[in-house]
PDB file of all heavy atoms in Angstrom:
ATOM      1  N   LEU A   1       9.224 -45.004 -47.143  1.00  0.00           N
ATOM      2  CA  LEU A   1       9.766 -45.822 -48.157  1.00  0.00           C
ATOM      3  C   LEU A   1       8.884 -47.064 -48.477  1.00  0.00           C
ATOM      4  O   LEU A   1       8.735 -47.432 -49.648  1.00  0.00           O
ATOM      5  CB  LEU A   1      11.200 -46.308 -47.799  1.00  0.00           C
ATOM      6  CG  LEU A   1      12.197 -45.186 -47.522  1.00  0.00           C
ATOM      7  CD1 LEU A   1      13.521 -45.763 -47.039  1.00  0.00           C
ATOM      8  CD2 LEU A   1      12.423 -44.337 -48.763  1.00  0.00           C
ATOM      9  N   SER A   2       8.295 -47.639 -47.426  1.00  0.00           N
ATOM     10  CA  SER A   2       7.367 -48.686 -47.620  1.00  0.00           C
ATOM     11  C   SER A   2       6.504 -48.784 -46.337  1.00  0.00           C
ATOM     12  O   SER A   2       6.924 -48.335 -45.293  1.00  0.00           O
ATOM     13  CB  SER A   2       8.061 -50.051 -47.895  1.00  0.00           C
ATOM     14  OG  SER A   2       8.946 -50.370 -46.808  1.00  0.00           O
ATOM     15  N   ALA A   3       5.311 -49.314 -46.505  1.00  0.00           N
ATOM     16  CA  ALA A   3       4.423 -49.366 -45.356  1.00  0.00           C
ATOM     17  C   ALA A   3       3.370 -50.463 -45.593  1.00  0.00           C
ATOM     18  O   ALA A   3       3.100 -50.882 -46.705  1.00  0.00           O
ATOM     19  CB  ALA A   3       3.667 -48.045 -45.179  1.00  0.00           C
ATOM     20  N   GLU A   4       2.882 -50.973 -44.450  1.00  0.00           N
ATOM     21  CA  GLU A   4       1.794 -51.993 -44.480  1.00  0.00           C
ATOM     22  C   GLU A   4       0.761 -51.532 -43.439  1.00  0.00           C
ATOM     23  O   GLU A   4       1.119 -51.169 -42.328  1.00  0.00           O
ATOM     24  CB  GLU A   4       2.320 -53.376 -44.170  1.00  0.00           C
ATOM     25  CG  GLU A   4       1.237 -54.419 -44.146  1.00  0.00           C
ATOM     26  CD  GLU A   4       1.726 -55.807 -43.801  1.00  0.00           C
ATOM     27  OE1 GLU A   4       2.747 -55.902 -43.033  1.00  0.00           O
ATOM     28  OE2 GLU A   4       1.130 -56.807 -44.234  1.00  0.00           O
ATOM     29  N   PHE A   5      -0.488 -51.669 -43.815  1.00  0.00           N
ATOM     30  CA  PHE A   5      -1.578 -51.401 -42.854  1.00  0.00           C
ATOM     31  C   PHE A   5      -2.587 -52.521 -42.933  1.00  0.00           C
ATOM     32  O   PHE A   5      -3.027 -52.905 -44.023  1.00  0.00           O
ATOM     33  CB  PHE A   5      -2.268 -50.077 -43.171  1.00  0.00           C
ATOM     34  CG  PHE A   5      -3.028 -49.492 -42.002  1.00  0.00           C
ATOM     35  CD1 PHE A   5      -2.423 -48.605 -41.174  1.00  0.00           C
ATOM     36  CD2 PHE A   5      -4.294 -49.940 -41.703  1.00  0.00           C
ATOM     37  CE1 PHE A   5      -3.102 -48.097 -40.051  1.00  0.00           C
ATOM     38  CE2 PHE A   5      -5.017 -49.452 -40.610  1.00  0.00           C
ATOM     39  CZ  PHE A   5      -4.401 -48.519 -39.790  1.00  0.00           C
ATOM     40  N   VAL A   6      -2.892 -53.099 -41.757  1.00  0.00           N
ATOM     41  CA  VAL A   6      -3.870 -54.184 -41.688  1.00  0.00           C
ATOM     42  C   VAL A   6      -5.138 -53.622 -41.021  1.00  0.00           C
ATOM     43  O   VAL A   6      -5.139 -53.285 -39.884  1.00  0.00           O
ATOM     44  CB  VAL A   6      -3.316 -55.355 -40.882  1.00  0.00           C
ATOM     45  CG1 VAL A   6      -4.358 -56.506 -40.825  1.00  0.00           C
ATOM     46  CG2 VAL A   6      -2.053 -55.879 -41.490  1.00  0.00           C
ATOM     47  N   ASN A   7      -6.189 -53.511 -41.827  1.00  0.00           N
ATOM     48  CA  ASN A   7      -7.493 -52.970 -41.394  1.00  0.00           C
ATOM     49  C   ASN A   7      -8.563 -54.043 -41.482  1.00  0.00           C
ATOM     50  O   ASN A   7      -8.778 -54.577 -42.565  1.00  0.00           O
ATOM     51  CB  ASN A   7      -7.856 -51.764 -42.226  1.00  0.00           C
ATOM     52  CG  ASN A   7      -9.266 -51.200 -41.950  1.00  0.00           C
ATOM     53  OD1 ASN A   7     -10.067 -51.077 -42.832  1.00  0.00           O
ATOM     54  ND2 ASN A   7      -9.493 -50.912 -40.678  1.00  0.00           N
ATOM     55  N   ALA A   8      -9.151 -54.374 -40.343  1.00  0.00           N
ATOM     56  CA  ALA A   8     -10.224 -55.377 -40.282  1.00  0.00           C
ATOM     57  C   ALA A   8      -9.734 -56.712 -40.853  1.00  0.00           C
ATOM     58  O   ALA A   8     -10.482 -57.425 -41.555  1.00  0.00           O
ATOM     59  CB  ALA A   8     -11.479 -54.891 -40.995  1.00  0.00           C
ATOM     60  N   GLY A   9      -8.445 -57.031 -40.645  1.00  0.00           N
ATOM     61  CA  GLY A   9      -7.925 -58.295 -41.062  1.00  0.00           C
ATOM     62  C   GLY A   9      -7.381 -58.320 -42.509  1.00  0.00           C
ATOM     63  O   GLY A   9      -6.782 -59.287 -42.925  1.00  0.00           O
ATOM     64  N   LYS A  10      -7.613 -57.223 -43.240  1.00  0.00           N
ATOM     65  CA  LYS A  10      -7.125 -57.156 -44.621  1.00  0.00           C
ATOM     66  C   LYS A  10      -5.856 -56.326 -44.681  1.00  0.00           C
ATOM     67  O   LYS A  10      -5.795 -55.229 -44.172  1.00  0.00           O
ATOM     68  CB  LYS A  10      -8.209 -56.578 -45.533  1.00  0.00           C
ATOM     69  CG  LYS A  10      -7.786 -56.565 -47.014  1.00  0.00           C
ATOM     70  CD  LYS A  10      -8.928 -56.100 -47.902  1.00  0.00           C
ATOM     71  CE  LYS A  10      -8.507 -56.192 -49.377  1.00  0.00           C
ATOM     72  NZ  LYS A  10      -9.648 -55.741 -50.264  1.00  0.00           N
ATOM     73  N   SER A  11      -4.831 -56.903 -45.367  1.00  0.00           N
ATOM     74  CA  SER A  11      -3.540 -56.233 -45.442  1.00  0.00           C
ATOM     75  C   SER A  11      -3.395 -55.376 -46.691  1.00  0.00           C
ATOM     76  O   SER A  11      -3.776 -55.806 -47.797  1.00  0.00           O
ATOM     77  CB  SER A  11      -2.423 -57.261 -45.389  1.00  0.00           C
ATOM     78  OG  SER A  11      -1.165 -56.646 -45.590  1.00  0.00           O
ATOM     79  N   TYR A  12      -2.869 -54.180 -46.533  1.00  0.00           N
ATOM     80  CA  TYR A  12      -2.563 -53.276 -47.653  1.00  0.00           C
ATOM     81  C   TYR A  12      -1.095 -52.928 -47.552  1.00  0.00           C
ATOM     82  O   TYR A  12      -0.615 -52.518 -46.460  1.00  0.00           O
ATOM     83  CB  TYR A  12      -3.395 -52.030 -47.593  1.00  0.00           C
ATOM     84  CG  TYR A  12      -4.890 -52.243 -47.579  1.00  0.00           C
ATOM     85  CD1 TYR A  12      -5.593 -52.386 -46.368  1.00  0.00           C
ATOM     86  CD2 TYR A  12      -5.614 -52.337 -48.737  1.00  0.00           C
ATOM     87  CE1 TYR A  12      -6.938 -52.626 -46.335  1.00  0.00           C
ATOM     88  CE2 TYR A  12      -7.005 -52.576 -48.730  1.00  0.00           C
ATOM     89  CZ  TYR A  12      -7.664 -52.688 -47.556  1.00  0.00           C
ATOM     90  OH  TYR A  12      -9.015 -52.910 -47.485  1.00  0.00           O
ATOM     91  N   GLN A  13      -0.347 -53.121 -48.649  1.00  0.00           N
ATOM     92  CA  GLN A  13       1.082 -52.771 -48.679  1.00  0.00           C
ATOM     93  C   GLN A  13       1.359 -51.758 -49.757  1.00  0.00           C
ATOM     94  O   GLN A  13       0.681 -51.722 -50.764  1.00  0.00           O
ATOM     95  CB  GLN A  13       1.897 -54.052 -48.899  1.00  0.00           C
ATOM     96  CG  GLN A  13       1.808 -55.047 -47.717  1.00  0.00           C
ATOM     97  CD  GLN A  13       2.659 -56.266 -48.012  1.00  0.00           C
ATOM     98  OE1 GLN A  13       2.774 -56.762 -49.128  1.00  0.00           O
ATOM     99  NE2 GLN A  13       3.295 -56.832 -46.933  1.00  0.00           N
ATOM    100  N   ALA A  14       2.387 -50.960 -49.525  1.00  0.00           N
ATOM    101  CA  ALA A  14       2.785 -49.937 -50.483  1.00  0.00           C
ATOM    102  C   ALA A  14       4.249 -49.653 -50.381  1.00  0.00           C
ATOM    103  O   ALA A  14       4.882 -49.891 -49.347  1.00  0.00           O
ATOM    104  CB  ALA A  14       1.988 -48.689 -50.217  1.00  0.00           C
ATOM    105  N   MET A  15       4.816 -49.156 -51.453  1.00  0.00           N
ATOM    106  CA  MET A  15       6.242 -48.716 -51.475  1.00  0.00           C
ATOM    107  C   MET A  15       6.366 -47.545 -52.425  1.00  0.00           C
ATOM    108  O   MET A  15       5.614 -47.386 -53.374  1.00  0.00           O
ATOM    109  CB  MET A  15       7.148 -49.886 -51.814  1.00  0.00           C
ATOM    110  CG  MET A  15       7.168 -50.206 -53.300  1.00  0.00           C
ATOM    111  SD  MET A  15       8.475 -51.425 -53.693  1.00  0.00           S
ATOM    112  CE  MET A  15       8.459 -51.348 -55.498  1.00  0.00           C
ATOM    113  N   TRP A  16       7.419 -46.790 -52.175  1.00  0.00           N
ATOM    114  CA  TRP A  16       7.781 -45.654 -53.036  1.00  0.00           C
ATOM    115  C   TRP A  16       8.632 -46.230 -54.182  1.00  0.00           C
ATOM    116  O   TRP A  16       9.595 -46.932 -53.956  1.00  0.00           O
ATOM    117  CB  TRP A  16       8.569 -44.618 -52.291  1.00  0.00           C
ATOM    118  CG  TRP A  16       9.126 -43.513 -53.183  1.00  0.00           C
ATOM    119  CD1 TRP A  16      10.385 -43.412 -53.656  1.00  0.00           C
ATOM    120  CD2 TRP A  16       8.403 -42.376 -53.659  1.00  0.00           C
ATOM    121  NE1 TRP A  16      10.503 -42.302 -54.412  1.00  0.00           N
ATOM    122  CE2 TRP A  16       9.307 -41.634 -54.435  1.00  0.00           C
ATOM    123  CE3 TRP A  16       7.109 -41.921 -53.532  1.00  0.00           C
ATOM    124  CZ2 TRP A  16       8.959 -40.440 -55.076  1.00  0.00           C
ATOM    125  CZ3 TRP A  16       6.738 -40.724 -54.154  1.00  0.00           C
ATOM    126  CH2 TRP A  16       7.661 -40.014 -54.907  1.00  0.00           C
ATOM    127  N   PHE A  17       8.236 -45.866 -55.446  1.00  0.00           N
ATOM    128  CA  PHE A  17       9.026 -46.317 -56.569  1.00  0.00           C
ATOM    129  C   PHE A  17       9.242 -45.138 -57.511  1.00  0.00           C
ATOM    130  O   PHE A  17       8.283 -44.480 -57.937  1.00  0.00           O
ATOM    131  CB  PHE A  17       8.305 -47.443 -57.331  1.00  0.00           C
ATOM    132  CG  PHE A  17       9.034 -47.910 -58.560  1.00  0.00           C
ATOM    133  CD1 PHE A  17      10.226 -48.597 -58.482  1.00  0.00           C
ATOM    134  CD2 PHE A  17       8.512 -47.681 -59.829  1.00  0.00           C
ATOM    135  CE1 PHE A  17      10.900 -49.055 -59.573  1.00  0.00           C
ATOM    136  CE2 PHE A  17       9.159 -48.118 -60.978  1.00  0.00           C
ATOM    137  CZ  PHE A  17      10.360 -48.786 -60.850  1.00  0.00           C
ATOM    138  N   GLN A  18      10.511 -44.865 -57.819  1.00  0.00           N
ATOM    139  CA  GLN A  18      10.857 -43.793 -58.750  1.00  0.00           C
ATOM    140  C   GLN A  18      11.839 -44.353 -59.777  1.00  0.00           C
ATOM    141  O   GLN A  18      13.004 -44.665 -59.444  1.00  0.00           O
ATOM    142  CB  GLN A  18      11.463 -42.609 -58.036  1.00  0.00           C
ATOM    143  CG  GLN A  18      11.781 -41.459 -58.958  1.00  0.00           C
ATOM    144  CD  GLN A  18      12.154 -40.194 -58.148  1.00  0.00           C
ATOM    145  OE1 GLN A  18      12.266 -40.204 -56.958  1.00  0.00           O
ATOM    146  NE2 GLN A  18      12.315 -39.099 -58.861  1.00  0.00           N
ATOM    147  N   PRO A  19      11.420 -44.481 -61.030  1.00  0.00           N
ATOM    148  CA  PRO A  19      12.337 -45.005 -62.065  1.00  0.00           C
ATOM    149  C   PRO A  19      13.566 -44.163 -62.190  1.00  0.00           C
ATOM    150  O   PRO A  19      13.495 -42.941 -62.054  1.00  0.00           O
ATOM    151  CB  PRO A  19      11.458 -45.014 -63.302  1.00  0.00           C
ATOM    152  CG  PRO A  19      10.067 -44.929 -62.840  1.00  0.00           C
ATOM    153  CD  PRO A  19      10.112 -44.160 -61.547  1.00  0.00           C
ATOM    154  N   SER A  20      14.683 -44.765 -62.487  1.00  0.00           N
ATOM    155  CA  SER A  20      15.896 -43.986 -62.735  1.00  0.00           C
ATOM    156  C   SER A  20      15.850 -43.383 -64.123  1.00  0.00           C
ATOM    157  O   SER A  20      15.079 -43.838 -65.004  1.00  0.00           O
ATOM    158  CB  SER A  20      17.120 -44.899 -62.596  1.00  0.00           C
ATOM    159  OG  SER A  20      17.032 -45.979 -63.513  1.00  0.00           O
ATOM    160  N   GLY A  21      16.626 -42.337 -64.340  1.00  0.00           N
ATOM    161  CA  GLY A  21      16.681 -41.763 -65.672  1.00  0.00           C
ATOM    162  C   GLY A  21      15.771 -40.564 -65.801  1.00  0.00           C
ATOM    163  O   GLY A  21      15.166 -40.073 -64.828  1.00  0.00           O
ATOM    164  N   THR A  22      15.595 -40.049 -67.023  1.00  0.00           N
ATOM    165  CA  THR A  22      14.760 -38.895 -67.334  1.00  0.00           C
ATOM    166  C   THR A  22      13.818 -39.207 -68.478  1.00  0.00           C
ATOM    167  O   THR A  22      13.908 -40.195 -69.177  1.00  0.00           O
ATOM    168  CB  THR A  22      15.624 -37.682 -67.739  1.00  0.00           C
ATOM    169  OG1 THR A  22      16.439 -38.058 -68.885  1.00  0.00           O
ATOM    170  CG2 THR A  22      16.601 -37.294 -66.628  1.00  0.00           C
ATOM    171  N   ASP A  23      12.795 -38.315 -68.600  1.00  0.00           N
ATOM    172  CA  ASP A  23      11.862 -38.473 -69.690  1.00  0.00           C
ATOM    173  C   ASP A  23      12.379 -37.848 -70.963  1.00  0.00           C
ATOM    174  O   ASP A  23      13.533 -37.417 -71.056  1.00  0.00           O
ATOM    175  CB  ASP A  23      10.476 -37.904 -69.321  1.00  0.00           C
ATOM    176  CG  ASP A  23      10.553 -36.428 -68.975  1.00  0.00           C
ATOM    177  OD1 ASP A  23      11.545 -35.747 -69.357  1.00  0.00           O
ATOM    178  OD2 ASP A  23       9.618 -35.907 -68.334  1.00  0.00           O
ATOM    179  N   ALA A  24      11.532 -37.778 -72.002  1.00  0.00           N
ATOM    180  CA  ALA A  24      11.936 -37.221 -73.311  1.00  0.00           C
ATOM    181  C   ALA A  24      12.376 -35.739 -73.206  1.00  0.00           C
ATOM    182  O   ALA A  24      13.161 -35.337 -74.051  1.00  0.00           O
ATOM    183  CB  ALA A  24      10.777 -37.390 -74.320  1.00  0.00           C
ATOM    184  N   GLN A  25      11.843 -35.034 -72.260  1.00  0.00           N
ATOM    185  CA  GLN A  25      12.241 -33.603 -72.059  1.00  0.00           C
ATOM    186  C   GLN A  25      13.454 -33.437 -71.179  1.00  0.00           C
ATOM    187  O   GLN A  25      13.811 -32.305 -70.870  1.00  0.00           O
ATOM    188  CB  GLN A  25      11.034 -32.828 -71.495  1.00  0.00           C
ATOM    189  CG  GLN A  25       9.925 -32.576 -72.493  1.00  0.00           C
ATOM    190  CD  GLN A  25       9.097 -33.834 -72.741  1.00  0.00           C
ATOM    191  OE1 GLN A  25       8.831 -34.634 -71.852  1.00  0.00           O
ATOM    192  NE2 GLN A  25       8.703 -34.042 -74.007  1.00  0.00           N
ATOM    193  N   GLY A  26      14.049 -34.516 -70.711  1.00  0.00           N
ATOM    194  CA  GLY A  26      15.219 -34.442 -69.876  1.00  0.00           C
ATOM    195  C   GLY A  26      14.888 -34.204 -68.400  1.00  0.00           C
ATOM    196  O   GLY A  26      15.765 -33.902 -67.585  1.00  0.00           O
ATOM    197  N   ILE A  27      13.593 -34.327 -68.024  1.00  0.00           N
ATOM    198  CA  ILE A  27      13.148 -34.137 -66.654  1.00  0.00           C
ATOM    199  C   ILE A  27      13.223 -35.478 -65.909  1.00  0.00           C
ATOM    200  O   ILE A  27      12.820 -36.519 -66.455  1.00  0.00           O
ATOM    201  CB  ILE A  27      11.743 -33.544 -66.613  1.00  0.00           C
ATOM    202  CG1 ILE A  27      11.725 -32.207 -67.345  1.00  0.00           C
ATOM    203  CG2 ILE A  27      11.291 -33.372 -65.147  1.00  0.00           C
ATOM    204  CD1 ILE A  27      10.309 -31.597 -67.469  1.00  0.00           C
ATOM    205  N   ALA A  28      13.698 -35.448 -64.673  1.00  0.00           N
ATOM    206  CA  ALA A  28      13.774 -36.700 -63.862  1.00  0.00           C
ATOM    207  C   ALA A  28      12.414 -37.369 -63.764  1.00  0.00           C
ATOM    208  O   ALA A  28      11.386 -36.708 -63.591  1.00  0.00           O
ATOM    209  CB  ALA A  28      14.323 -36.369 -62.510  1.00  0.00           C
ATOM    210  N   SER A  29      12.390 -38.703 -63.906  1.00  0.00           N
ATOM    211  CA  SER A  29      11.148 -39.436 -63.822  1.00  0.00           C
ATOM    212  C   SER A  29      10.484 -39.222 -62.484  1.00  0.00           C
ATOM    213  O   SER A  29      11.175 -39.180 -61.437  1.00  0.00           O
ATOM    214  CB  SER A  29      11.462 -40.930 -64.023  1.00  0.00           C
ATOM    215  OG  SER A  29      12.115 -41.155 -65.274  1.00  0.00           O
ATOM    216  N   LYS A  30       9.164 -39.100 -62.487  1.00  0.00           N
ATOM    217  CA  LYS A  30       8.407 -38.885 -61.269  1.00  0.00           C
ATOM    218  C   LYS A  30       8.231 -40.218 -60.533  1.00  0.00           C
ATOM    219  O   LYS A  30       8.081 -41.288 -61.150  1.00  0.00           O
ATOM    220  CB  LYS A  30       7.028 -38.283 -61.591  1.00  0.00           C
ATOM    221  CG  LYS A  30       7.122 -36.835 -62.096  1.00  0.00           C
ATOM    222  CD  LYS A  30       5.740 -36.298 -62.265  1.00  0.00           C
ATOM    223  CE  LYS A  30       5.790 -34.832 -62.728  1.00  0.00           C
ATOM    224  NZ  LYS A  30       4.427 -34.231 -62.899  1.00  0.00           N
ATOM    225  N   GLY A  31       8.240 -40.122 -59.207  1.00  0.00           N
ATOM    226  CA  GLY A  31       7.992 -41.319 -58.392  1.00  0.00           C
ATOM    227  C   GLY A  31       6.593 -41.297 -57.852  1.00  0.00           C
ATOM    228  O   GLY A  31       5.850 -40.289 -57.978  1.00  0.00           O
ATOM    229  N   GLY A  32       6.202 -42.388 -57.264  1.00  0.00           N
ATOM    230  CA  GLY A  32       4.895 -42.488 -56.669  1.00  0.00           C
ATOM    231  C   GLY A  32       4.812 -43.733 -55.783  1.00  0.00           C
ATOM    232  O   GLY A  32       5.724 -44.553 -55.725  1.00  0.00           O
ATOM    233  N   TYR A  33       3.645 -43.901 -55.131  1.00  0.00           N
ATOM    234  CA  TYR A  33       3.427 -45.092 -54.271  1.00  0.00           C
ATOM    235  C   TYR A  33       2.616 -46.133 -55.025  1.00  0.00           C
ATOM    236  O   TYR A  33       1.620 -45.827 -55.691  1.00  0.00           O
ATOM    237  CB  TYR A  33       2.722 -44.659 -52.934  1.00  0.00           C
ATOM    238  CG  TYR A  33       3.634 -43.895 -52.035  1.00  0.00           C
ATOM    239  CD1 TYR A  33       3.606 -42.520 -51.938  1.00  0.00           C
ATOM    240  CD2 TYR A  33       4.575 -44.596 -51.260  1.00  0.00           C
ATOM    241  CE1 TYR A  33       4.461 -41.837 -51.118  1.00  0.00           C
ATOM    242  CE2 TYR A  33       5.463 -43.915 -50.441  1.00  0.00           C
ATOM    243  CZ  TYR A  33       5.383 -42.524 -50.367  1.00  0.00           C
ATOM    244  OH  TYR A  33       6.286 -41.874 -49.519  1.00  0.00           O
TER     245      TYR A  33
END
């Protein structure tokens, strides 16, 4: 769902985000990091 990695003192953060609803074709919106 979310993660942080600190490599050589530099922090990288990420989270999963998937918009609610559907696109123009009625397909559920795709999620990503």
